[in-house]
Protein backbone atom coordinates (compact mmCIF):
# COMPACT_ATOMS: atom_id res chain seq x y z
CA MET A 1 -13.52 -8.72 -2.11
CA GLU A 2 -13.07 -11.95 -0.25
CA ARG A 3 -14.04 -12.09 3.44
CA LYS A 4 -11.62 -13.57 6.01
CA MET A 5 -12.17 -14.42 9.67
CA PHE A 6 -9.48 -14.59 12.35
CA ARG A 7 -9.73 -15.48 16.03
CA LYS A 8 -8.30 -13.49 18.91
CA GLY A 9 -4.53 -14.12 19.02
CA ASP A 10 -4.24 -15.24 15.38
CA ILE A 11 -1.37 -13.77 13.39
CA ILE A 12 -2.82 -12.28 10.23
CA ILE A 13 0.42 -10.92 8.76
CA GLU A 14 3.85 -11.99 9.94
CA LYS A 15 6.76 -9.59 9.54
CA GLY A 16 9.08 -10.75 6.77
CA SER A 17 6.41 -12.70 4.90
CA HIS A 18 5.47 -11.84 1.34
CA GLY A 19 2.01 -10.57 0.50
CA THR A 20 0.21 -8.79 -2.28
CA CYS A 21 -3.04 -7.87 -0.57
CA ALA A 22 -4.40 -5.46 2.00
CA TYR A 23 -7.16 -5.93 4.53
CA ILE A 24 -10.03 -3.67 5.54
CA ILE A 25 -11.37 -4.31 9.03
CA GLU A 26 -15.12 -4.99 9.00
CA SER A 27 -15.33 -5.91 12.70
CA GLY A 28 -12.93 -6.44 15.57
CA LYS A 29 -9.47 -5.04 16.34
CA VAL A 30 -5.92 -5.82 15.28
CA GLU A 31 -2.53 -4.85 16.70
CA VAL A 32 0.38 -3.81 14.48
CA SER A 33 3.74 -4.56 16.10
CA ASP A 34 7.39 -5.48 15.67
CA LEU A 35 10.16 -6.96 17.79
CA VAL A 36 13.11 -4.64 18.38
CA ASN A 37 15.97 -6.01 20.51
CA ASP A 38 13.61 -8.75 21.76
CA LYS A 39 11.14 -6.08 22.90
CA LYS A 40 7.66 -5.86 21.40
CA ILE A 41 6.89 -2.41 20.02
CA VAL A 42 3.22 -1.75 19.27
CA PHE A 43 2.74 0.72 16.44
CA GLY A 44 -1.00 0.87 16.89
CA VAL A 45 -4.35 -0.83 17.28
CA LEU A 46 -6.63 -0.65 14.27
CA VAL A 47 -10.44 -0.91 14.31
CA LYS A 48 -13.44 -1.18 12.00
CA GLY A 49 -13.01 0.77 8.76
CA GLN A 50 -9.22 0.92 8.93
CA ILE A 51 -6.85 -0.77 6.49
CA PHE A 52 -3.54 -2.58 6.89
CA GLY A 53 -1.12 -4.39 4.60
CA GLU A 54 -1.54 -1.69 1.96
CA MET A 55 2.16 -1.57 1.06
CA GLY A 56 1.75 -5.06 -0.39
CA LEU A 57 -0.61 -3.64 -2.99
CA VAL A 58 2.09 -1.60 -4.71
CA GLU A 59 5.52 -2.99 -3.86
CA ASP A 60 7.22 -6.37 -3.83
CA GLN A 61 8.82 -6.12 -0.42
CA HIS A 62 8.50 -8.30 2.64
CA ARG A 63 5.90 -7.29 5.23
CA SER A 64 7.28 -4.65 7.57
CA ALA A 65 5.32 -5.55 10.73
CA THR A 66 3.28 -8.28 12.35
CA VAL A 67 -0.49 -7.89 12.59
CA THR A 68 -2.32 -9.88 15.25
CA ALA A 69 -6.03 -10.16 16.01
CA VAL A 70 -6.69 -8.50 19.38
CA GLU A 71 -10.22 -9.90 19.28
CA ASP A 72 -12.16 -11.96 16.75
CA VAL A 73 -11.90 -10.11 13.44
CA GLN A 74 -13.69 -10.08 10.10
CA LEU A 75 -11.70 -8.63 7.21
CA ALA A 76 -12.28 -7.80 3.56
CA GLU A 77 -9.24 -8.76 1.51
CA LEU A 78 -8.24 -6.41 -1.32
CA SER A 79 -5.96 -8.11 -3.85
CA ARG A 80 -3.33 -6.34 -5.91
CA ASP A 81 -5.28 -7.13 -9.09
CA SER A 82 -8.45 -5.56 -7.65
CA PHE A 83 -6.45 -2.55 -6.46
CA ASN A 84 -4.92 -2.06 -9.92
CA GLU A 85 -8.34 -2.33 -11.54
CA LEU A 86 -9.76 0.27 -9.17
CA PHE A 87 -6.72 2.48 -9.77
CA GLU A 88 -7.44 2.45 -13.51
CA LYS A 89 -11.24 2.61 -13.48
CA LYS A 90 -12.31 4.27 -10.21
CA PRO A 91 -9.33 6.04 -8.64
CA LYS A 92 -11.50 8.08 -6.23
CA VAL A 93 -12.44 4.85 -4.43
CA LEU A 94 -8.80 4.56 -3.35
CA LEU A 95 -8.72 7.88 -1.45
CA PRO A 96 -9.22 6.16 1.96
CA ILE A 97 -6.16 3.98 1.30
CA ILE A 98 -4.07 6.99 0.32
CA LYS A 99 -5.27 8.87 3.41
CA ALA A 100 -4.31 5.88 5.57
CA LEU A 101 -0.80 5.94 4.10
CA PHE A 102 -0.41 9.64 4.87
CA GLU A 103 -1.68 9.14 8.42
CA ARG A 104 0.83 6.32 8.98
CA LEU A 105 3.62 8.52 7.67
CA ARG A 106 2.60 11.34 10.03
CA THR A 107 2.51 8.89 12.95
CA ALA A 108 5.93 7.46 12.07
CA ASN A 109 7.40 10.97 11.82
CA LYS A 110 5.94 11.87 15.21
CA MET A 111 7.37 8.70 16.78
CA ILE A 112 10.82 9.56 15.44
CA ILE A 113 10.63 13.14 16.73
CA ASP A 114 9.33 12.02 20.15
CA ARG A 115 12.30 9.66 20.58
CA LYS A 116 14.84 12.48 20.18
């Protein structure tokens, strides 16, 4: 995996952009957010060991949120090709990514219920 560095305030992923990789946080924090009616909505702050951008590994859709470095960040970039190779050869390695997806789904469901 390739290592990437971002400074505090850098936009790592911009909503609407196209991407085919995910990032695993090795150090630092990032904020996942979106603008709704000109109001910033923060979905969460992610820290060391967490992953973001994972939808880009499996689907050809535009990015669904903006990810910004809250502090200086070091990331490991997981490409779609690497993901597919792991999926075929070592699927158990991908369990943390699958767990992250389920956790995000649970969080999104809770946010929807809490707004009612």
